[in-house]
């Protein structure tokens, strides 16, 4: 027998955030994912590569698990080769498998406007694999270009300090300027000029069918 509690759990929104490397998702939409989790949504993070170019892969996996525990998310990994993944069959299949397993209604992925090839490939593969997901948004990372053109701004005022704590899970990346707390706050405040000067995360909209936080989308 399916209980009422189980029906409620199964009917809650499911959010999938795809990143090429450990920490990409947390940098791009960590505050939004914390907000989703606080709203009772199921959050799934998929990391496509082993992230071995950026450090020891075992350590980076542990850091990714720690970050997901901190935000109450499920971690999925694909283990594709860092800097050598493509936007072809293998990557599309890895994303598609996670989509079939969790049936998300909201998908966050990289912007294609990025100088890192893994990020661009993740963006393209996500659009193919996620073609049936009704709400698709693309986030920026430190390697995104000025071609990143957001039109959706998610208020993370209540979550920006927790986002900073979330990013502190990535000990192997300590010292990188974009992870410094003042830079995280500055980025959130900069994009806030488009949203009543709240701390926000900026997103390009691929498709929006009225999912969670849709009220943040600019006209």
C-alpha atoms as a PDB file:
ATOM      1  CA  UNK A   1       0.000   0.000   0.000  1.00  0.00           C
ATOM      2  CA  UNK A   2       1.288   3.490  -0.880  1.00  0.00           C
ATOM      3  CA  UNK A   3       0.948   5.704   2.182  1.00  0.00           C
ATOM      4  CA  UNK A   4      -0.018   9.379   2.103  1.00  0.00           C
ATOM      5  CA  UNK A   5       3.473  10.289   3.335  1.00  0.00           C
ATOM      6  CA  UNK A   6       5.044   8.346   0.476  1.00  0.00           C
ATOM      7  CA  UNK A   7       2.752  10.028  -2.052  1.00  0.00           C
ATOM      8  CA  UNK A   8       3.784  13.424  -0.681  1.00  0.00           C
ATOM      9  CA  UNK A   9       7.470  12.502  -0.933  1.00  0.00           C
ATOM     10  CA  UNK A  10       7.072  11.233  -4.478  1.00  0.00           C
ATOM     11  CA  UNK A  11       5.113  14.279  -5.606  1.00  0.00           C
ATOM     12  CA  UNK A  12       7.655  16.824  -4.379  1.00  0.00           C
ATOM     13  CA  UNK A  13       9.661  18.715  -7.048  1.00  0.00           C
ATOM     14  CA  UNK A  14      12.904  17.057  -8.130  1.00  0.00           C
ATOM     15  CA  UNK A  15      15.832  19.259  -9.109  1.00  0.00           C
ATOM     16  CA  UNK A  16      18.874  18.026 -11.059  1.00  0.00           C
ATOM     17  CA  UNK A  17      22.052  20.118 -11.200  1.00  0.00           C
ATOM     18  CA  UNK A  18      24.676  18.947 -13.702  1.00  0.00           C
ATOM     19  CA  UNK A  19      28.318  19.963 -13.360  1.00  0.00           C
ATOM     20  CA  UNK A  20      31.430  18.950 -15.256  1.00  0.00           C
ATOM     21  CA  UNK A  21      33.598  18.977 -12.111  1.00  0.00           C
ATOM     22  CA  UNK A  22      33.239  18.842  -8.362  1.00  0.00           C
ATOM     23  CA  UNK A  23      32.386  22.382  -7.109  1.00  0.00           C
ATOM     24  CA  UNK A  24      30.962  23.669 -10.445  1.00  0.00           C
ATOM     25  CA  UNK A  25      27.365  23.203  -9.332  1.00  0.00           C
ATOM     26  CA  UNK A  26      27.970  24.689  -5.885  1.00  0.00           C
ATOM     27  CA  UNK A  27      29.645  27.762  -7.395  1.00  0.00           C
ATOM     28  CA  UNK A  28      26.938  28.288  -9.995  1.00  0.00           C
ATOM     29  CA  UNK A  29      23.723  27.440  -8.143  1.00  0.00           C
ATOM     30  CA  UNK A  30      24.716  26.457  -4.602  1.00  0.00           C
ATOM     31  CA  UNK A  31      22.414  29.059  -3.086  1.00  0.00           C
ATOM     32  CA  UNK A  32      19.507  28.042  -5.306  1.00  0.00           C
ATOM     33  CA  UNK A  33      19.993  24.377  -4.409  1.00  0.00           C
ATOM     34  CA  UNK A  34      20.045  25.250  -0.713  1.00  0.00           C
ATOM     35  CA  UNK A  35      16.798  27.136  -1.246  1.00  0.00           C
ATOM     36  CA  UNK A  36      15.282  24.150  -3.061  1.00  0.00           C
ATOM     37  CA  UNK A  37      16.320  21.833  -0.220  1.00  0.00           C
ATOM     38  CA  UNK A  38      14.884  24.216   2.375  1.00  0.00           C
ATOM     39  CA  UNK A  39      11.606  24.174   0.435  1.00  0.00           C
ATOM     40  CA  UNK A  40      11.431  20.380   0.701  1.00  0.00           C
ATOM     41  CA  UNK A  41      12.476  19.666  -2.869  1.00  0.00           C
ATOM     42  CA  UNK A  42      14.627  16.662  -3.742  1.00  0.00           C
ATOM     43  CA  UNK A  43      18.024  17.858  -4.982  1.00  0.00           C
ATOM     44  CA  UNK A  44      20.256  15.663  -7.152  1.00  0.00           C
ATOM     45  CA  UNK A  45      23.790  16.682  -8.175  1.00  0.00           C
ATOM     46  CA  UNK A  46      25.463  14.953 -11.130  1.00  0.00           C
ATOM     47  CA  UNK A  47      29.227  15.431 -11.569  1.00  0.00           C
ATOM     48  CA  UNK A  48      30.307  14.230 -14.993  1.00  0.00           C
ATOM     49  CA  UNK A  49      34.122  13.954 -14.749  1.00  0.00           C
ATOM     50  CA  UNK A  50      36.504  12.489 -12.186  1.00  0.00           C
ATOM     51  CA  UNK A  51      37.922  16.039 -11.731  1.00  0.00           C
ATOM     52  CA  UNK A  52      41.433  14.554 -11.640  1.00  0.00           C
ATOM     53  CA  UNK A  53      43.129  17.488 -13.378  1.00  0.00           C
ATOM     54  CA  UNK A  54      42.076  19.764 -10.519  1.00  0.00           C
ATOM     55  CA  UNK A  55      43.383  17.470  -7.764  1.00  0.00           C
ATOM     56  CA  UNK A  56      43.314  13.974  -6.339  1.00  0.00           C
ATOM     57  CA  UNK A  57      40.103  12.341  -7.621  1.00  0.00           C
ATOM     58  CA  UNK A  58      39.457  10.450  -4.373  1.00  0.00           C
ATOM     59  CA  UNK A  59      39.763  13.640  -2.349  1.00  0.00           C
ATOM     60  CA  UNK A  60      37.585  15.540  -4.761  1.00  0.00           C
ATOM     61  CA  UNK A  61      34.919  12.843  -4.528  1.00  0.00           C
ATOM     62  CA  UNK A  62      34.991  13.067  -0.727  1.00  0.00           C
ATOM     63  CA  UNK A  63      34.626  16.845  -0.949  1.00  0.00           C
ATOM     64  CA  UNK A  64      31.693  16.484  -3.335  1.00  0.00           C
ATOM     65  CA  UNK A  65      29.998  14.038  -0.981  1.00  0.00           C
ATOM     66  CA  UNK A  66      30.577  16.404   1.939  1.00  0.00           C
ATOM     67  CA  UNK A  67      29.042  19.289   0.009  1.00  0.00           C
ATOM     68  CA  UNK A  68      25.982  17.207  -0.894  1.00  0.00           C
ATOM     69  CA  UNK A  69      25.543  16.135   2.732  1.00  0.00           C
ATOM     70  CA  UNK A  70      25.672  19.799   3.771  1.00  0.00           C
ATOM     71  CA  UNK A  71      22.830  20.710   1.418  1.00  0.00           C
ATOM     72  CA  UNK A  72      20.860  17.481   1.752  1.00  0.00           C
ATOM     73  CA  UNK A  73      21.419  16.437  -1.864  1.00  0.00           C
ATOM     74  CA  UNK A  74      21.914  13.112  -3.621  1.00  0.00           C
ATOM     75  CA  UNK A  75      25.265  12.815  -5.436  1.00  0.00           C
ATOM     76  CA  UNK A  76      25.554  10.987  -8.760  1.00  0.00           C
ATOM     77  CA  UNK A  77      28.874  10.642 -10.611  1.00  0.00           C
ATOM     78  CA  UNK A  78      29.779   9.569 -14.151  1.00  0.00           C
ATOM     79  CA  UNK A  79      33.593   9.367 -13.871  1.00  0.00           C
ATOM     80  CA  UNK A  80      34.287  10.709 -17.370  1.00  0.00           C
ATOM     81  CA  UNK A  81      37.870  11.865 -18.099  1.00  0.00           C
ATOM     82  CA  UNK A  82      38.606  15.379 -16.909  1.00  0.00           C
ATOM     83  CA  UNK A  83      39.279  17.839 -19.806  1.00  0.00           C
ATOM     84  CA  UNK A  84      38.572  15.038 -22.316  1.00  0.00           C
ATOM     85  CA  UNK A  85      34.833  14.452 -22.040  1.00  0.00           C
ATOM     86  CA  UNK A  86      32.786  15.195 -25.151  1.00  0.00           C
ATOM     87  CA  UNK A  87      29.234  16.306 -25.822  1.00  0.00           C
ATOM     88  CA  UNK A  88      28.535  12.982 -27.527  1.00  0.00           C
ATOM     89  CA  UNK A  89      26.958   9.648 -26.762  1.00  0.00           C
ATOM     90  CA  UNK A  90      28.810   8.781 -23.538  1.00  0.00           C
ATOM     91  CA  UNK A  91      28.053  12.094 -21.840  1.00  0.00           C
ATOM     92  CA  UNK A  92      24.471  12.247 -23.075  1.00  0.00           C
ATOM     93  CA  UNK A  93      23.911   8.678 -21.877  1.00  0.00           C
ATOM     94  CA  UNK A  94      25.285   9.458 -18.403  1.00  0.00           C
ATOM     95  CA  UNK A  95      22.929  12.419 -17.995  1.00  0.00           C
ATOM     96  CA  UNK A  96      19.983  10.543 -19.503  1.00  0.00           C
ATOM     97  CA  UNK A  97      20.427   7.682 -17.029  1.00  0.00           C
ATOM     98  CA  UNK A  98      20.217  10.054 -14.079  1.00  0.00           C
ATOM     99  CA  UNK A  99      17.172  11.789 -15.566  1.00  0.00           C
ATOM    100  CA  UNK A 100      15.421   8.425 -15.961  1.00  0.00           C
ATOM    101  CA  UNK A 101      16.313   7.478 -12.389  1.00  0.00           C
ATOM    102  CA  UNK A 102      15.100  10.677 -10.723  1.00  0.00           C
ATOM    103  CA  UNK A 103      12.591  12.284 -13.178  1.00  0.00           C
ATOM    104  CA  UNK A 104      13.522  15.920 -12.483  1.00  0.00           C
ATOM    105  CA  UNK A 105      11.219  18.770 -13.400  1.00  0.00           C
ATOM    106  CA  UNK A 106      13.994  21.367 -13.066  1.00  0.00           C
ATOM    107  CA  UNK A 107      17.448  21.068 -14.642  1.00  0.00           C
ATOM    108  CA  UNK A 108      20.425  23.338 -13.994  1.00  0.00           C
ATOM    109  CA  UNK A 109      23.506  23.019 -16.170  1.00  0.00           C
ATOM    110  CA  UNK A 110      26.495  24.992 -17.445  1.00  0.00           C
ATOM    111  CA  UNK A 111      26.215  27.892 -19.836  1.00  0.00           C
ATOM    112  CA  UNK A 112      27.648  27.203 -23.267  1.00  0.00           C
ATOM    113  CA  UNK A 113      29.309  30.630 -23.045  1.00  0.00           C
ATOM    114  CA  UNK A 114      32.406  29.286 -21.290  1.00  0.00           C
ATOM    115  CA  UNK A 115      36.077  28.897 -22.189  1.00  0.00           C
ATOM    116  CA  UNK A 116      36.387  25.464 -20.539  1.00  0.00           C
ATOM    117  CA  UNK A 117      35.637  22.695 -23.002  1.00  0.00           C
ATOM    118  CA  UNK A 118      34.168  20.362 -20.364  1.00  0.00           C
ATOM    119  CA  UNK A 119      31.680  23.046 -19.379  1.00  0.00           C
ATOM    120  CA  UNK A 120      30.594  23.650 -22.966  1.00  0.00           C
ATOM    121  CA  UNK A 121      30.239  19.934 -23.603  1.00  0.00           C
ATOM    122  CA  UNK A 122      28.211  19.486 -20.409  1.00  0.00           C
ATOM    123  CA  UNK A 123      25.906  22.310 -21.521  1.00  0.00           C
ATOM    124  CA  UNK A 124      25.280  20.784 -24.949  1.00  0.00           C
ATOM    125  CA  UNK A 125      24.864  17.221 -23.708  1.00  0.00           C
ATOM    126  CA  UNK A 126      22.441  18.373 -21.002  1.00  0.00           C
ATOM    127  CA  UNK A 127      20.136  19.971 -23.565  1.00  0.00           C
ATOM    128  CA  UNK A 128      19.953  16.741 -25.537  1.00  0.00           C
ATOM    129  CA  UNK A 129      19.523  14.459 -22.525  1.00  0.00           C
ATOM    130  CA  UNK A 130      17.142  16.888 -20.828  1.00  0.00           C
ATOM    131  CA  UNK A 131      14.907  17.592 -23.785  1.00  0.00           C
ATOM    132  CA  UNK A 132      11.841  16.351 -21.873  1.00  0.00           C
ATOM    133  CA  UNK A 133      12.566  18.311 -18.678  1.00  0.00           C
ATOM    134  CA  UNK A 134      10.103  21.214 -18.537  1.00  0.00           C
ATOM    135  CA  UNK A 135      12.380  23.753 -16.812  1.00  0.00           C
ATOM    136  CA  UNK A 136      16.000  24.160 -17.923  1.00  0.00           C
ATOM    137  CA  UNK A 137      18.396  26.856 -16.738  1.00  0.00           C
ATOM    138  CA  UNK A 138      22.101  27.489 -17.349  1.00  0.00           C
ATOM    139  CA  UNK A 139      24.489  28.900 -14.727  1.00  0.00           C
ATOM    140  CA  UNK A 140      27.871  30.608 -14.846  1.00  0.00           C
ATOM    141  CA  UNK A 141      31.231  29.551 -13.429  1.00  0.00           C
ATOM    142  CA  UNK A 142      34.496  31.528 -13.132  1.00  0.00           C
ATOM    143  CA  UNK A 143      35.444  30.483 -16.684  1.00  0.00           C
ATOM    144  CA  UNK A 144      32.213  31.792 -18.219  1.00  0.00           C
ATOM    145  CA  UNK A 145      32.585  34.547 -20.809  1.00  0.00           C
ATOM    146  CA  UNK A 146      30.856  37.895 -21.221  1.00  0.00           C
ATOM    147  CA  UNK A 147      28.521  36.034 -23.578  1.00  0.00           C
ATOM    148  CA  UNK A 148      26.676  34.747 -20.485  1.00  0.00           C
ATOM    149  CA  UNK A 149      23.342  36.579 -20.682  1.00  0.00           C
ATOM    150  CA  UNK A 150      21.053  35.778 -17.750  1.00  0.00           C
ATOM    151  CA  UNK A 151      17.403  36.732 -17.591  1.00  0.00           C
ATOM    152  CA  UNK A 152      16.457  34.881 -14.396  1.00  0.00           C
ATOM    153  CA  UNK A 153      17.689  35.894 -10.948  1.00  0.00           C
ATOM    154  CA  UNK A 154      17.144  33.636  -7.943  1.00  0.00           C
ATOM    155  CA  UNK A 155      17.022  35.375  -4.563  1.00  0.00           C
ATOM    156  CA  UNK A 156      19.546  33.706  -2.231  1.00  0.00           C
ATOM    157  CA  UNK A 157      19.620  36.398   0.468  1.00  0.00           C
ATOM    158  CA  UNK A 158      18.695  33.810   3.093  1.00  0.00           C
ATOM    159  CA  UNK A 159      21.242  31.288   1.814  1.00  0.00           C
ATOM    160  CA  UNK A 160      24.374  33.155   0.712  1.00  0.00           C
ATOM    161  CA  UNK A 161      26.248  32.530   3.986  1.00  0.00           C
ATOM    162  CA  UNK A 162      25.363  28.835   3.827  1.00  0.00           C
ATOM    163  CA  UNK A 163      26.575  28.809   0.227  1.00  0.00           C
ATOM    164  CA  UNK A 164      29.928  30.062   1.478  1.00  0.00           C
ATOM    165  CA  UNK A 165      29.980  27.267   4.076  1.00  0.00           C
ATOM    166  CA  UNK A 166      29.081  24.806   1.323  1.00  0.00           C
ATOM    167  CA  UNK A 167      32.031  25.923  -0.797  1.00  0.00           C
ATOM    168  CA  UNK A 168      34.362  25.487   2.171  1.00  0.00           C
ATOM    169  CA  UNK A 169      33.894  21.725   1.740  1.00  0.00           C
ATOM    170  CA  UNK A 170      36.281  21.895  -1.231  1.00  0.00           C
ATOM    171  CA  UNK A 171      39.510  21.998   0.764  1.00  0.00           C
ATOM    172  CA  UNK A 172      41.692  20.964  -2.186  1.00  0.00           C
ATOM    173  CA  UNK A 173      40.650  24.124  -4.029  1.00  0.00           C
ATOM    174  CA  UNK A 174      41.428  26.478  -1.135  1.00  0.00           C
ATOM    175  CA  UNK A 175      43.177  29.639  -2.252  1.00  0.00           C
ATOM    176  CA  UNK A 176      41.314  29.956  -5.527  1.00  0.00           C
ATOM    177  CA  UNK A 177      40.092  33.567  -5.562  1.00  0.00           C
ATOM    178  CA  UNK A 178      36.599  32.782  -6.818  1.00  0.00           C
ATOM    179  CA  UNK A 179      35.943  30.658  -3.709  1.00  0.00           C
ATOM    180  CA  UNK A 180      36.840  33.466  -1.308  1.00  0.00           C
ATOM    181  CA  UNK A 181      33.803  34.520   0.758  1.00  0.00           C
ATOM    182  CA  UNK A 182      34.060  38.173  -0.316  1.00  0.00           C
ATOM    183  CA  UNK A 183      34.053  37.155  -3.991  1.00  0.00           C
ATOM    184  CA  UNK A 184      31.010  34.915  -3.515  1.00  0.00           C
ATOM    185  CA  UNK A 185      29.142  37.760  -1.836  1.00  0.00           C
ATOM    186  CA  UNK A 186      30.334  40.289  -4.443  1.00  0.00           C
ATOM    187  CA  UNK A 187      29.077  38.148  -7.328  1.00  0.00           C
ATOM    188  CA  UNK A 188      25.698  37.686  -5.645  1.00  0.00           C
ATOM    189  CA  UNK A 189      25.441  41.428  -4.960  1.00  0.00           C
ATOM    190  CA  UNK A 190      26.500  42.363  -8.507  1.00  0.00           C
ATOM    191  CA  UNK A 191      23.731  40.334 -10.115  1.00  0.00           C
ATOM    192  CA  UNK A 192      21.370  41.682  -7.466  1.00  0.00           C
ATOM    193  CA  UNK A 193      21.250  44.983  -9.331  1.00  0.00           C
ATOM    194  CA  UNK A 194      18.791  43.221 -11.653  1.00  0.00           C
ATOM    195  CA  UNK A 195      16.623  42.052  -8.738  1.00  0.00           C
ATOM    196  CA  UNK A 196      16.078  44.830  -6.184  1.00  0.00           C
ATOM    197  CA  UNK A 197      19.659  44.482  -4.914  1.00  0.00           C
ATOM    198  CA  UNK A 198      19.106  41.170  -3.201  1.00  0.00           C
ATOM    199  CA  UNK A 199      21.877  38.581  -3.247  1.00  0.00           C
ATOM    200  CA  UNK A 200      21.034  36.457  -6.267  1.00  0.00           C
ATOM    201  CA  UNK A 201      22.284  33.762  -8.621  1.00  0.00           C
ATOM    202  CA  UNK A 202      21.930  34.557 -12.305  1.00  0.00           C
ATOM    203  CA  UNK A 203      20.636  32.058 -14.859  1.00  0.00           C
ATOM    204  CA  UNK A 204      20.139  31.845 -18.589  1.00  0.00           C
ATOM    205  CA  UNK A 205      16.696  30.457 -19.376  1.00  0.00           C
ATOM    206  CA  UNK A 206      16.484  27.659 -21.925  1.00  0.00           C
ATOM    207  CA  UNK A 207      12.951  26.613 -21.051  1.00  0.00           C
ATOM    208  CA  UNK A 208      10.622  27.675 -18.247  1.00  0.00           C
ATOM    209  CA  UNK A 209       7.250  26.024 -17.788  1.00  0.00           C
ATOM    210  CA  UNK A 210       6.492  27.571 -14.431  1.00  0.00           C
ATOM    211  CA  UNK A 211       8.695  25.598 -12.056  1.00  0.00           C
ATOM    212  CA  UNK A 212       9.863  26.540  -8.581  1.00  0.00           C
ATOM    213  CA  UNK A 213      11.075  30.123  -8.198  1.00  0.00           C
ATOM    214  CA  UNK A 214       9.756  31.010 -11.673  1.00  0.00           C
ATOM    215  CA  UNK A 215       8.648  34.335 -10.228  1.00  0.00           C
ATOM    216  CA  UNK A 216      12.291  35.442 -10.320  1.00  0.00           C
ATOM    217  CA  UNK A 217      12.433  35.450 -14.119  1.00  0.00           C
ATOM    218  CA  UNK A 218      12.933  38.872 -15.623  1.00  0.00           C
ATOM    219  CA  UNK A 219      10.492  40.100 -18.226  1.00  0.00           C
END
